Amino acid sequence: RAELEPAKTGPVQDKGVRAKNIGEQLALHELQVYQIELQMQNMELRRNQAELEIAKERYFTLYDLAPVGYITYRDDTLITEANLTIADMLGVPRSALLQKPVTGFILGADQDIFYLANKRLWSTHEPQTCEVRLLTKKGEAFWVTINAIMQAGNNGELSAWATVNNVN
């Protein structure tokens, strides 16, 4: 009996070692598969990031370098967004436009024209157009056509999106 016990435990121990090796091999294989999946996901994320960078550059070109000025403003006429073109037209940095009223850049004699068009825009939600003179930082007036539409933002709040075309 003493001789049989080592024989019985020997193969069981060997099977245990084999099972352990098989278990380790399966675990290693699963980790390798997982690593490959992560590498594939990483490549997809990098591809998506590259596509987003291209879209961002395109947006910059289409919006900021457009041949017309773009502004977005609230019902109190405070500018929330502006492109580089309108900032250049007015001779100010873009930051000087943000949170300032549109009317602050309109010649005093033309304030009523903008006021009425803006009032119609916010009451009817229909596109409006007006011609007014804007003032540059140096105080020089120039004629523009403002075309505005209503647009709901991501937060659901309405704002006016306007193009500003220099007609000089």
C-alpha atoms as a PDB file:
ATOM      1  CA  ARG A   1       0.000   0.000   0.000  1.00  0.00           C
ATOM      2  CA  ALA A   2       2.782   2.377   0.772  1.00  0.00           C
ATOM      3  CA  GLU A   3       4.126   1.800  -2.710  1.00  0.00           C
ATOM      4  CA  LEU A   4       0.755   2.451  -4.359  1.00  0.00           C
ATOM      5  CA  GLU A   5       0.205   5.760  -2.713  1.00  0.00           C
ATOM      6  CA  PRO A   6       3.184   7.449  -4.322  1.00  0.00           C
ATOM      7  CA  ALA A   7       2.078   6.006  -7.624  1.00  0.00           C
ATOM      8  CA  LYS A   8      -1.436   7.388  -7.147  1.00  0.00           C
ATOM      9  CA  THR A   9      -0.261  10.801  -6.048  1.00  0.00           C
ATOM     10  CA  GLY A  10       2.416  10.988  -8.723  1.00  0.00           C
ATOM     11  CA  PRO A  11       0.088  11.004 -11.711  1.00  0.00           C
ATOM     12  CA  VAL A  12      -2.422  13.242  -9.915  1.00  0.00           C
ATOM     13  CA  GLN A  13       0.335  15.721  -9.233  1.00  0.00           C
ATOM     14  CA  ASP A  14       1.436  15.510 -12.857  1.00  0.00           C
ATOM     15  CA  LYS A  15      -2.157  16.102 -14.010  1.00  0.00           C
ATOM     16  CA  GLY A  16      -2.342  19.045 -11.638  1.00  0.00           C
ATOM     17  CA  VAL A  17       0.819  20.482 -13.130  1.00  0.00           C
ATOM     18  CA  ARG A  18      -0.483  19.894 -16.625  1.00  0.00           C
ATOM     19  CA  ALA A  19      -3.820  21.454 -15.719  1.00  0.00           C
ATOM     20  CA  LYS A  20      -2.010  24.373 -14.201  1.00  0.00           C
ATOM     21  CA  ASN A  21       0.076  24.763 -17.363  1.00  0.00           C
ATOM     22  CA  ILE A  22      -3.034  24.441 -19.520  1.00  0.00           C
ATOM     23  CA  GLY A  23      -4.783  26.996 -17.311  1.00  0.00           C
ATOM     24  CA  GLU A  24      -1.823  29.332 -17.610  1.00  0.00           C
ATOM     25  CA  GLN A  25      -1.714  28.766 -21.358  1.00  0.00           C
ATOM     26  CA  LEU A  26      -5.433  29.546 -21.657  1.00  0.00           C
ATOM     27  CA  ALA A  27      -5.029  32.626 -19.487  1.00  0.00           C
ATOM     28  CA  LEU A  28      -2.021  33.721 -21.534  1.00  0.00           C
ATOM     29  CA  HIS A  29      -3.939  33.140 -24.757  1.00  0.00           C
ATOM     30  CA  GLU A  30      -6.901  35.149 -23.447  1.00  0.00           C
ATOM     31  CA  LEU A  31      -4.562  37.980 -22.443  1.00  0.00           C
ATOM     32  CA  GLN A  32      -2.942  37.932 -25.886  1.00  0.00           C
ATOM     33  CA  VAL A  33      -6.370  38.066 -27.550  1.00  0.00           C
ATOM     34  CA  TYR A  34      -7.355  40.906 -25.221  1.00  0.00           C
ATOM     35  CA  GLN A  35      -4.104  42.718 -26.035  1.00  0.00           C
ATOM     36  CA  ILE A  36      -4.788  42.396 -29.765  1.00  0.00           C
ATOM     37  CA  GLU A  37      -8.336  43.693 -29.234  1.00  0.00           C
ATOM     38  CA  LEU A  38      -6.972  46.656 -27.268  1.00  0.00           C
ATOM     39  CA  GLN A  39      -4.404  47.365 -29.988  1.00  0.00           C
ATOM     40  CA  MET A  40      -7.192  47.303 -32.595  1.00  0.00           C
ATOM     41  CA  GLN A  41      -9.312  49.636 -30.464  1.00  0.00           C
ATOM     42  CA  ASN A  42      -6.302  51.919 -30.001  1.00  0.00           C
ATOM     43  CA  MET A  43      -5.734  52.031 -33.769  1.00  0.00           C
ATOM     44  CA  GLU A  44      -9.430  52.861 -34.278  1.00  0.00           C
ATOM     45  CA  LEU A  45      -9.252  55.614 -31.662  1.00  0.00           C
ATOM     46  CA  ARG A  46      -6.140  57.069 -33.300  1.00  0.00           C
ATOM     47  CA  ARG A  47      -7.866  56.968 -36.705  1.00  0.00           C
ATOM     48  CA  ASN A  48     -10.922  58.717 -35.215  1.00  0.00           C
ATOM     49  CA  GLN A  49      -8.684  61.300 -33.563  1.00  0.00           C
ATOM     50  CA  ALA A  50      -6.954  61.998 -36.888  1.00  0.00           C
ATOM     51  CA  GLU A  51     -10.348  62.393 -38.582  1.00  0.00           C
ATOM     52  CA  LEU A  52     -11.450  64.782 -35.829  1.00  0.00           C
ATOM     53  CA  GLU A  53      -8.298  66.852 -36.319  1.00  0.00           C
ATOM     54  CA  ILE A  54      -9.046  67.086 -40.051  1.00  0.00           C
ATOM     55  CA  ALA A  55     -12.639  68.109 -39.297  1.00  0.00           C
ATOM     56  CA  LYS A  56     -11.403  70.679 -36.778  1.00  0.00           C
ATOM     57  CA  GLU A  57      -9.037  72.186 -39.342  1.00  0.00           C
ATOM     58  CA  ARG A  58     -11.826  72.244 -41.913  1.00  0.00           C
ATOM     59  CA  TYR A  59     -14.170  73.912 -39.420  1.00  0.00           C
ATOM     60  CA  PHE A  60     -11.500  76.504 -38.657  1.00  0.00           C
ATOM     61  CA  THR A  61     -11.107  77.243 -42.354  1.00  0.00           C
ATOM     62  CA  LEU A  62     -14.848  77.313 -43.077  1.00  0.00           C
ATOM     63  CA  TYR A  63     -15.820  79.332 -40.015  1.00  0.00           C
ATOM     64  CA  ASP A  64     -12.915  81.488 -38.936  1.00  0.00           C
ATOM     65  CA  LEU A  65     -11.439  82.233 -42.348  1.00  0.00           C
ATOM     66  CA  ALA A  66     -14.730  82.648 -44.214  1.00  0.00           C
ATOM     67  CA  PRO A  67     -15.026  85.653 -46.530  1.00  0.00           C
ATOM     68  CA  VAL A  68     -17.925  86.934 -44.382  1.00  0.00           C
ATOM     69  CA  GLY A  69     -18.230  87.693 -40.706  1.00  0.00           C
ATOM     70  CA  TYR A  70     -20.176  85.294 -38.519  1.00  0.00           C
ATOM     71  CA  ILE A  71     -21.649  86.170 -35.162  1.00  0.00           C
ATOM     72  CA  THR A  72     -23.948  84.377 -32.776  1.00  0.00           C
ATOM     73  CA  TYR A  73     -25.860  86.480 -30.292  1.00  0.00           C
ATOM     74  CA  ARG A  74     -28.551  86.143 -27.642  1.00  0.00           C
ATOM     75  CA  ASP A  75     -31.863  87.967 -27.451  1.00  0.00           C
ATOM     76  CA  ASP A  76     -30.165  90.717 -25.423  1.00  0.00           C
ATOM     77  CA  THR A  77     -27.788  91.097 -28.440  1.00  0.00           C
ATOM     78  CA  LEU A  78     -24.724  89.951 -26.464  1.00  0.00           C
ATOM     79  CA  ILE A  79     -22.310  88.246 -28.858  1.00  0.00           C
ATOM     80  CA  THR A  80     -21.527  84.678 -27.793  1.00  0.00           C
ATOM     81  CA  GLU A  81     -19.462  83.626 -30.812  1.00  0.00           C
ATOM     82  CA  ALA A  82     -17.643  85.457 -33.577  1.00  0.00           C
ATOM     83  CA  ASN A  83     -15.262  84.455 -36.309  1.00  0.00           C
ATOM     84  CA  LEU A  84     -11.927  86.033 -37.122  1.00  0.00           C
ATOM     85  CA  THR A  85     -13.330  87.758 -40.215  1.00  0.00           C
ATOM     86  CA  ILE A  86     -15.738  89.979 -38.275  1.00  0.00           C
ATOM     87  CA  ALA A  87     -13.013  90.733 -35.733  1.00  0.00           C
ATOM     88  CA  ASP A  88     -10.730  91.748 -38.594  1.00  0.00           C
ATOM     89  CA  MET A  89     -13.476  93.900 -40.164  1.00  0.00           C
ATOM     90  CA  LEU A  90     -13.846  95.794 -36.901  1.00  0.00           C
ATOM     91  CA  GLY A  91     -10.121  95.909 -36.198  1.00  0.00           C
ATOM     92  CA  VAL A  92     -10.410  94.223 -32.805  1.00  0.00           C
ATOM     93  CA  PRO A  93      -9.392  90.863 -31.384  1.00  0.00           C
ATOM     94  CA  ARG A  94     -12.183  88.290 -31.297  1.00  0.00           C
ATOM     95  CA  SER A  95     -12.189  88.379 -27.495  1.00  0.00           C
ATOM     96  CA  ALA A  96     -13.169  92.067 -27.652  1.00  0.00           C
ATOM     97  CA  LEU A  97     -16.437  91.058 -29.336  1.00  0.00           C
ATOM     98  CA  LEU A  98     -17.532  88.330 -26.947  1.00  0.00           C
ATOM     99  CA  GLN A  99     -20.151  89.264 -24.351  1.00  0.00           C
ATOM    100  CA  LYS A 100     -20.480  92.707 -25.940  1.00  0.00           C
ATOM    101  CA  PRO A 101     -23.756  93.869 -27.517  1.00  0.00           C
ATOM    102  CA  VAL A 102     -23.964  93.831 -31.313  1.00  0.00           C
ATOM    103  CA  THR A 103     -25.362  97.335 -31.077  1.00  0.00           C
ATOM    104  CA  GLY A 104     -22.073  98.553 -29.602  1.00  0.00           C
ATOM    105  CA  PHE A 105     -20.515  98.155 -33.055  1.00  0.00           C
ATOM    106  CA  ILE A 106     -23.372  99.732 -35.046  1.00  0.00           C
ATOM    107  CA  LEU A 107     -23.308 103.416 -35.966  1.00  0.00           C
ATOM    108  CA  GLY A 108     -25.754 105.345 -33.773  1.00  0.00           C
ATOM    109  CA  ALA A 109     -27.812 106.557 -36.756  1.00  0.00           C
ATOM    110  CA  ASP A 110     -28.415 102.941 -37.831  1.00  0.00           C
ATOM    111  CA  GLN A 111     -29.346 101.524 -34.416  1.00  0.00           C
ATOM    112  CA  ASP A 112     -33.097 101.636 -35.127  1.00  0.00           C
ATOM    113  CA  ILE A 113     -32.672  99.683 -38.375  1.00  0.00           C
ATOM    114  CA  PHE A 114     -30.959  96.841 -36.525  1.00  0.00           C
ATOM    115  CA  TYR A 115     -33.338  97.087 -33.571  1.00  0.00           C
ATOM    116  CA  LEU A 116     -36.415  96.607 -35.786  1.00  0.00           C
ATOM    117  CA  ALA A 117     -34.899  93.735 -37.790  1.00  0.00           C
ATOM    118  CA  ASN A 118     -33.734  92.041 -34.596  1.00  0.00           C
ATOM    119  CA  LYS A 119     -37.154  92.526 -32.965  1.00  0.00           C
ATOM    120  CA  ARG A 120     -38.830  90.875 -35.990  1.00  0.00           C
ATOM    121  CA  LEU A 121     -36.294  88.024 -35.874  1.00  0.00           C
ATOM    122  CA  TRP A 122     -36.991  87.211 -32.227  1.00  0.00           C
ATOM    123  CA  SER A 123     -40.773  87.611 -32.505  1.00  0.00           C
ATOM    124  CA  THR A 124     -41.340  85.739 -35.786  1.00  0.00           C
ATOM    125  CA  HIS A 125     -38.289  83.439 -35.850  1.00  0.00           C
ATOM    126  CA  GLU A 126     -38.114  84.154 -39.564  1.00  0.00           C
ATOM    127  CA  PRO A 127     -34.833  85.165 -41.251  1.00  0.00           C
ATOM    128  CA  GLN A 128     -34.173  88.901 -41.292  1.00  0.00           C
ATOM    129  CA  THR A 129     -31.855  91.130 -43.288  1.00  0.00           C
ATOM    130  CA  CYS A 130     -30.794  94.695 -42.706  1.00  0.00           C
ATOM    131  CA  GLU A 131     -28.140  97.088 -43.960  1.00  0.00           C
ATOM    132  CA  VAL A 132     -26.328  99.131 -41.341  1.00  0.00           C
ATOM    133  CA  ARG A 133     -22.999 100.792 -40.839  1.00  0.00           C
ATOM    134  CA  LEU A 134     -20.538  99.262 -38.416  1.00  0.00           C
ATOM    135  CA  LEU A 135     -17.771 101.158 -36.682  1.00  0.00           C
ATOM    136  CA  THR A 136     -14.181  99.983 -36.620  1.00  0.00           C
ATOM    137  CA  LYS A 137     -12.000 100.416 -33.565  1.00  0.00           C
ATOM    138  CA  LYS A 138     -10.621 103.545 -35.250  1.00  0.00           C
ATOM    139  CA  GLY A 139     -14.162 104.965 -35.574  1.00  0.00           C
ATOM    140  CA  GLU A 140     -14.431 104.439 -39.333  1.00  0.00           C
ATOM    141  CA  ALA A 141     -17.900 103.481 -40.573  1.00  0.00           C
ATOM    142  CA  PHE A 142     -18.521 100.902 -43.301  1.00  0.00           C
ATOM    143  CA  TRP A 143     -21.698  99.413 -44.734  1.00  0.00           C
ATOM    144  CA  VAL A 144     -22.637  95.803 -44.090  1.00  0.00           C
ATOM    145  CA  THR A 145     -25.567  93.532 -44.758  1.00  0.00           C
ATOM    146  CA  ILE A 146     -26.577  91.468 -41.746  1.00  0.00           C
ATOM    147  CA  ASN A 147     -28.515  88.273 -42.472  1.00  0.00           C
ATOM    148  CA  ALA A 148     -29.799  86.590 -39.309  1.00  0.00           C
ATOM    149  CA  ILE A 149     -31.658  83.380 -38.538  1.00  0.00           C
ATOM    150  CA  MET A 150     -32.844  81.753 -35.316  1.00  0.00           C
ATOM    151  CA  GLN A 151     -31.098  78.610 -34.157  1.00  0.00           C
ATOM    152  CA  ALA A 152     -31.487  76.405 -31.095  1.00  0.00           C
ATOM    153  CA  GLY A 153     -28.179  75.625 -29.415  1.00  0.00           C
ATOM    154  CA  ASN A 154     -27.084  72.367 -27.803  1.00  0.00           C
ATOM    155  CA  ASN A 155     -28.664  73.511 -24.554  1.00  0.00           C
ATOM    156  CA  GLY A 156     -31.968  74.246 -26.309  1.00  0.00           C
ATOM    157  CA  GLU A 157     -31.659  78.012 -25.923  1.00  0.00           C
ATOM    158  CA  LEU A 158     -32.391  80.094 -28.973  1.00  0.00           C
ATOM    159  CA  SER A 159     -29.757  82.357 -30.424  1.00  0.00           C
ATOM    160  CA  ALA A 160     -29.352  84.384 -33.562  1.00  0.00           C
ATOM    161  CA  TRP A 161     -26.826  83.280 -36.142  1.00  0.00           C
ATOM    162  CA  ALA A 162     -25.822  86.099 -38.436  1.00  0.00           C
ATOM    163  CA  THR A 163     -23.595  86.670 -41.399  1.00  0.00           C
ATOM    164  CA  VAL A 164     -22.066  90.105 -41.791  1.00  0.00           C
ATOM    165  CA  ASN A 165     -21.162  91.007 -45.373  1.00  0.00           C
ATOM    166  CA  ASN A 166     -19.061  94.079 -46.045  1.00  0.00           C
ATOM    167  CA  VAL A 167     -20.791  95.884 -48.944  1.00  0.00           C
ATOM    168  CA  ASN A 168     -18.276  98.720 -49.341  1.00  0.00           C
END
